[in-house]
């Protein structure tokens, strides 16, 4: 595939997206003392208070619920940030795209790399919370297996949303609204075993974001990634690959004209 060859070339020449991603992160938190750690502090305070309150209101065992909530929120934050920032990636880089001829996927690589760095800043708080409540487990090593699936899928989603939202600008606001709705239908604030099996069949199982959350959350909490979630994410990743390759060949050259 043409896209795969170009992508491998850009991954080898990492200076095209690695350093711009670092600079983009520094610009976002310029003139602050803690920088990206503010993300970790904010999400920790919110989850700490909210988790304790909800565990008391819904009579849930705090030892199981707090790690579930912490991991779910941190992972959801990563996916939500990738989706939100990707919808404006080409719009925010319009001046560079219109003035210099280059491969536009470098902006998607930069976007995903920057958001993944922020995710890595937040991830240690999950390890600490799980270690405090449940102790250490070797299943956490499964993260090395699932992270490539997550990062590759995030790049494909970034390219799709960047292209589609560039062509149809209103979709950015629609996606923002849909993400708020999907959040409540994804087992983040609640656990899958709290709903009936029929509800799970129609709400949880078809939710691809749930499966992407679960392949990271399960190893952190001490279990191997569920085979259903692992299979669903791999199949979806290959579907995204073919779809992105189609979009790249047909519409990539039109990006400067849509700006």
Protein backbone atom coordinates (compact mmCIF):
# COMPACT_ATOMS: atom_id res chain seq x y z
CA UNK A 1 0.00 0.00 0.00
CA UNK A 2 1.19 3.49 -0.83
CA UNK A 3 0.18 4.83 2.57
CA UNK A 4 2.16 2.16 4.42
CA UNK A 5 5.33 2.99 2.48
CA UNK A 6 4.95 6.70 3.20
CA UNK A 7 4.15 6.05 6.84
CA UNK A 8 7.23 3.86 7.32
CA UNK A 9 9.37 6.56 5.69
CA UNK A 10 8.05 9.16 8.11
CA UNK A 11 8.48 6.88 11.12
CA UNK A 12 12.13 6.38 10.16
CA UNK A 13 12.59 10.12 9.64
CA UNK A 14 11.14 10.84 13.07
CA UNK A 15 12.52 14.38 13.21
CA UNK A 16 9.58 15.49 11.01
CA UNK A 17 7.04 14.81 13.78
CA UNK A 18 8.97 14.02 16.97
CA UNK A 19 10.49 17.43 17.59
CA UNK A 20 7.41 19.38 16.37
CA UNK A 21 5.34 17.28 18.81
CA UNK A 22 7.67 18.19 21.68
CA UNK A 23 7.60 21.86 20.70
CA UNK A 24 3.80 21.80 20.41
CA UNK A 25 3.60 20.40 23.94
CA UNK A 26 5.99 23.04 25.27
CA UNK A 27 3.99 25.83 23.62
CA UNK A 28 0.76 24.55 25.17
CA UNK A 29 2.26 24.71 28.67
CA UNK A 30 4.64 27.62 28.18
CA UNK A 31 5.33 29.79 31.24
CA UNK A 32 3.89 27.17 33.61
CA UNK A 33 5.90 25.49 36.34
CA UNK A 34 4.42 22.00 36.27
CA UNK A 35 3.53 21.83 32.57
CA UNK A 36 1.70 18.63 31.57
CA UNK A 37 1.64 17.53 35.21
CA UNK A 38 -1.34 19.87 35.62
CA UNK A 39 -3.31 17.32 33.59
CA UNK A 40 -2.35 14.61 36.07
CA UNK A 41 -3.15 16.77 39.10
CA UNK A 42 -6.54 17.88 37.75
CA UNK A 43 -7.69 14.40 36.77
CA UNK A 44 -6.42 12.91 40.06
CA UNK A 45 -8.33 15.42 42.18
CA UNK A 46 -11.54 14.94 40.19
CA UNK A 47 -11.41 11.15 40.17
CA UNK A 48 -10.39 10.95 43.81
CA UNK A 49 -13.34 12.95 45.09
CA UNK A 50 -15.84 11.68 42.51
CA UNK A 51 -14.82 8.05 42.99
CA UNK A 52 -15.20 8.22 46.76
CA UNK A 53 -18.58 9.95 46.46
CA UNK A 54 -20.01 7.60 43.83
CA UNK A 55 -18.80 4.50 45.68
CA UNK A 56 -20.76 5.66 48.74
CA UNK A 57 -23.89 6.68 46.78
CA UNK A 58 -24.11 3.47 44.72
CA UNK A 59 -22.80 1.22 47.53
CA UNK A 60 -19.86 -0.06 45.47
CA UNK A 61 -16.73 -1.63 46.93
CA UNK A 62 -14.25 1.23 46.87
CA UNK A 63 -11.26 -1.14 46.55
CA UNK A 64 -12.48 -2.33 43.14
CA UNK A 65 -14.25 0.80 41.95
CA UNK A 66 -11.53 3.43 42.47
CA UNK A 67 -8.89 1.64 40.32
CA UNK A 68 -11.54 0.94 37.67
CA UNK A 69 -12.54 4.61 37.59
CA UNK A 70 -8.99 5.98 37.64
CA UNK A 71 -7.81 3.80 34.77
CA UNK A 72 -10.97 4.34 32.75
CA UNK A 73 -10.86 8.12 33.04
CA UNK A 74 -7.16 8.42 32.17
CA UNK A 75 -7.54 6.14 29.13
CA UNK A 76 -10.75 7.87 28.02
CA UNK A 77 -9.01 11.23 28.33
CA UNK A 78 -6.38 10.08 25.83
CA UNK A 79 -8.90 8.86 23.24
CA UNK A 80 -11.13 11.92 23.69
CA UNK A 81 -8.16 14.26 23.29
CA UNK A 82 -6.98 12.51 20.12
CA UNK A 83 -10.45 12.68 18.59
CA UNK A 84 -11.02 16.31 19.60
CA UNK A 85 -7.61 17.63 18.50
CA UNK A 86 -7.60 15.60 15.28
CA UNK A 87 -10.76 17.24 14.01
CA UNK A 88 -8.88 20.55 13.82
CA UNK A 89 -5.39 19.33 12.92
CA UNK A 90 -5.32 20.55 9.31
CA UNK A 91 -7.24 23.73 10.11
CA UNK A 92 -4.71 24.71 12.78
CA UNK A 93 -1.80 24.03 10.38
CA UNK A 94 -3.42 25.77 7.41
CA UNK A 95 -0.63 28.32 6.90
CA UNK A 96 2.08 25.66 6.70
CA UNK A 97 0.02 23.37 4.46
CA UNK A 98 -0.73 26.15 1.98
CA UNK A 99 2.80 27.52 1.85
CA UNK A 100 5.02 24.41 1.78
CA UNK A 101 4.58 21.19 -0.17
CA UNK A 102 4.97 18.25 2.23
CA UNK A 103 3.23 15.11 3.45
CA UNK A 104 0.27 16.21 5.53
CA UNK A 105 0.24 13.03 7.63
CA UNK A 106 3.19 14.49 9.56
CA UNK A 107 0.67 16.72 11.33
CA UNK A 108 -1.32 13.65 12.37
CA UNK A 109 1.81 11.92 13.63
CA UNK A 110 2.69 15.04 15.60
CA UNK A 111 -0.83 15.27 17.04
CA UNK A 112 -0.99 11.62 18.15
CA UNK A 113 2.56 11.70 19.54
CA UNK A 114 1.82 14.84 21.59
CA UNK A 115 -1.40 13.40 23.03
CA UNK A 116 0.31 10.08 23.78
CA UNK A 117 3.02 11.92 25.72
CA UNK A 118 0.33 13.55 27.87
CA UNK A 119 -1.25 10.12 28.36
CA UNK A 120 2.11 8.76 29.55
CA UNK A 121 2.25 11.60 32.08
CA UNK A 122 -1.11 10.51 33.48
CA UNK A 123 -0.53 6.76 33.35
CA UNK A 124 1.72 6.48 36.46
CA UNK A 125 -1.15 7.65 38.68
CA UNK A 126 -3.08 4.56 37.51
CA UNK A 127 -0.17 2.32 38.49
CA UNK A 128 0.05 3.92 41.91
CA UNK A 129 -3.67 3.62 42.60
CA UNK A 130 -3.84 -0.01 41.45
CA UNK A 131 -0.71 -0.88 43.42
CA UNK A 132 -2.17 0.72 46.55
CA UNK A 133 -5.51 -1.13 46.33
CA UNK A 134 -4.59 -4.41 44.61
CA UNK A 135 -0.80 -4.75 44.60
CA UNK A 136 1.55 -5.37 41.67
CA UNK A 137 0.80 -7.85 38.88
CA UNK A 138 2.76 -9.09 35.88
CA UNK A 139 -0.21 -8.80 33.53
CA UNK A 140 0.76 -5.17 33.18
CA UNK A 141 3.35 -6.37 30.65
CA UNK A 142 0.48 -6.90 28.20
CA UNK A 143 0.61 -3.12 27.69
CA UNK A 144 3.62 -3.63 25.41
CA UNK A 145 1.35 -5.79 23.23
CA UNK A 146 -1.65 -3.47 23.09
CA UNK A 147 0.08 -0.08 22.85
CA UNK A 148 1.01 -0.57 19.16
CA UNK A 149 -2.63 -1.36 18.38
CA UNK A 150 -3.74 1.76 20.24
CA UNK A 151 -1.18 4.11 18.66
CA UNK A 152 -1.68 2.83 15.10
CA UNK A 153 -5.46 3.07 15.44
CA UNK A 154 -5.15 6.56 16.92
CA UNK A 155 -3.14 7.68 13.89
CA UNK A 156 -5.69 6.26 11.45
CA UNK A 157 -8.55 7.90 13.34
CA UNK A 158 -6.61 11.17 13.43
CA UNK A 159 -6.17 11.17 9.65
CA UNK A 160 -9.82 10.31 8.97
CA UNK A 161 -11.17 12.99 11.29
CA UNK A 162 -8.67 15.60 10.08
CA UNK A 163 -9.70 15.04 6.48
CA UNK A 164 -13.46 14.73 6.99
CA UNK A 165 -13.72 17.65 9.43
CA UNK A 166 -11.66 19.80 7.08
CA UNK A 167 -14.14 19.15 4.28
CA UNK A 168 -17.22 19.45 6.50
CA UNK A 169 -16.41 21.89 9.30
CA UNK A 170 -19.67 21.35 11.19
CA UNK A 171 -18.64 17.78 11.98
CA UNK A 172 -16.16 19.06 14.57
CA UNK A 173 -19.00 20.33 16.76
CA UNK A 174 -21.08 17.22 16.13
CA UNK A 175 -18.19 15.00 17.22
CA UNK A 176 -17.76 17.03 20.40
CA UNK A 177 -21.40 16.45 21.29
CA UNK A 178 -21.30 12.76 20.40
CA UNK A 179 -18.21 12.16 22.55
CA UNK A 180 -20.04 13.52 25.59
CA UNK A 181 -22.90 11.12 24.88
CA UNK A 182 -20.64 8.12 24.22
CA UNK A 183 -18.85 8.76 27.51
CA UNK A 184 -21.97 7.89 29.50
CA UNK A 185 -22.59 4.76 27.41
CA UNK A 186 -19.03 3.52 28.00
CA UNK A 187 -18.21 1.70 31.28
CA UNK A 188 -16.07 4.45 32.78
CA UNK A 189 -18.23 5.79 35.63
CA UNK A 190 -19.82 2.37 36.04
CA UNK A 191 -18.79 -1.27 35.67
CA UNK A 192 -20.05 -3.66 32.98
CA UNK A 193 -21.35 -6.13 35.58
CA UNK A 194 -23.74 -3.49 36.93
CA UNK A 195 -26.05 -3.84 33.91
CA UNK A 196 -28.10 -6.77 32.67
CA UNK A 197 -26.71 -9.09 30.01
CA UNK A 198 -29.25 -7.89 27.43
CA UNK A 199 -28.23 -4.27 28.01
CA UNK A 200 -24.57 -5.26 27.76
CA UNK A 201 -25.22 -7.01 24.45
CA UNK A 202 -26.70 -3.88 22.83
CA UNK A 203 -24.75 -1.09 24.56
CA UNK A 204 -21.35 -2.36 25.68
CA UNK A 205 -20.33 -5.06 23.18
CA UNK A 206 -20.87 -2.92 20.00
CA UNK A 207 -19.03 0.04 21.58
CA UNK A 208 -15.58 -0.04 19.96
CA UNK A 209 -14.28 2.66 22.30
CA UNK A 210 -15.07 0.37 25.24
CA UNK A 211 -12.90 -2.34 23.68
CA UNK A 212 -10.04 0.11 23.17
CA UNK A 213 -10.35 1.21 26.79
CA UNK A 214 -10.52 -2.35 28.05
CA UNK A 215 -7.38 -3.65 26.30
CA UNK A 216 -5.40 -1.08 28.33
CA UNK A 217 -7.43 -1.07 31.55
CA UNK A 218 -7.57 -4.84 32.01
CA UNK A 219 -3.75 -5.37 32.14
CA UNK A 220 -3.34 -2.46 34.55
CA UNK A 221 -6.04 -3.90 36.82
CA UNK A 222 -4.41 -7.32 36.78
CA UNK A 223 -6.08 -9.29 33.99
CA UNK A 224 -5.05 -10.19 30.43
CA UNK A 225 -6.80 -8.15 27.70
CA UNK A 226 -10.20 -9.79 27.00
CA UNK A 227 -10.03 -11.82 23.80
CA UNK A 228 -13.21 -10.18 22.52
CA UNK A 229 -11.80 -6.68 23.01
CA UNK A 230 -8.42 -7.66 21.60
CA UNK A 231 -9.98 -9.24 18.52
CA UNK A 232 -12.38 -6.34 18.00
CA UNK A 233 -9.61 -3.72 18.15
CA UNK A 234 -7.33 -5.65 15.77
CA UNK A 235 -10.12 -6.13 13.23
CA UNK A 236 -11.12 -2.47 13.55
CA UNK A 237 -7.49 -1.39 13.12
CA UNK A 238 -7.24 -3.24 9.79
CA UNK A 239 -10.57 -1.79 8.70
CA UNK A 240 -9.21 1.68 9.45
CA UNK A 241 -6.05 0.86 7.49
CA UNK A 242 -7.95 0.09 4.28
CA UNK A 243 -10.29 3.04 4.76
CA UNK A 244 -7.44 5.47 5.37
CA UNK A 245 -5.57 4.14 2.34
CA UNK A 246 -8.66 4.78 0.21
CA UNK A 247 -9.06 8.33 1.55
CA UNK A 248 -5.36 9.06 1.11
CA UNK A 249 -5.28 8.05 -2.57
CA UNK A 250 -8.53 9.81 -3.44
CA UNK A 251 -8.58 12.99 -1.36
CA UNK A 252 -5.16 13.75 0.13
CA UNK A 253 -4.17 16.11 -2.71
CA UNK A 254 -7.32 18.16 -2.16
CA UNK A 255 -6.42 19.21 1.39
CA UNK A 256 -4.83 22.60 0.42
CA UNK A 257 -7.90 23.48 -1.70
CA UNK A 258 -10.30 22.70 1.15
CA UNK A 259 -8.43 25.13 3.37
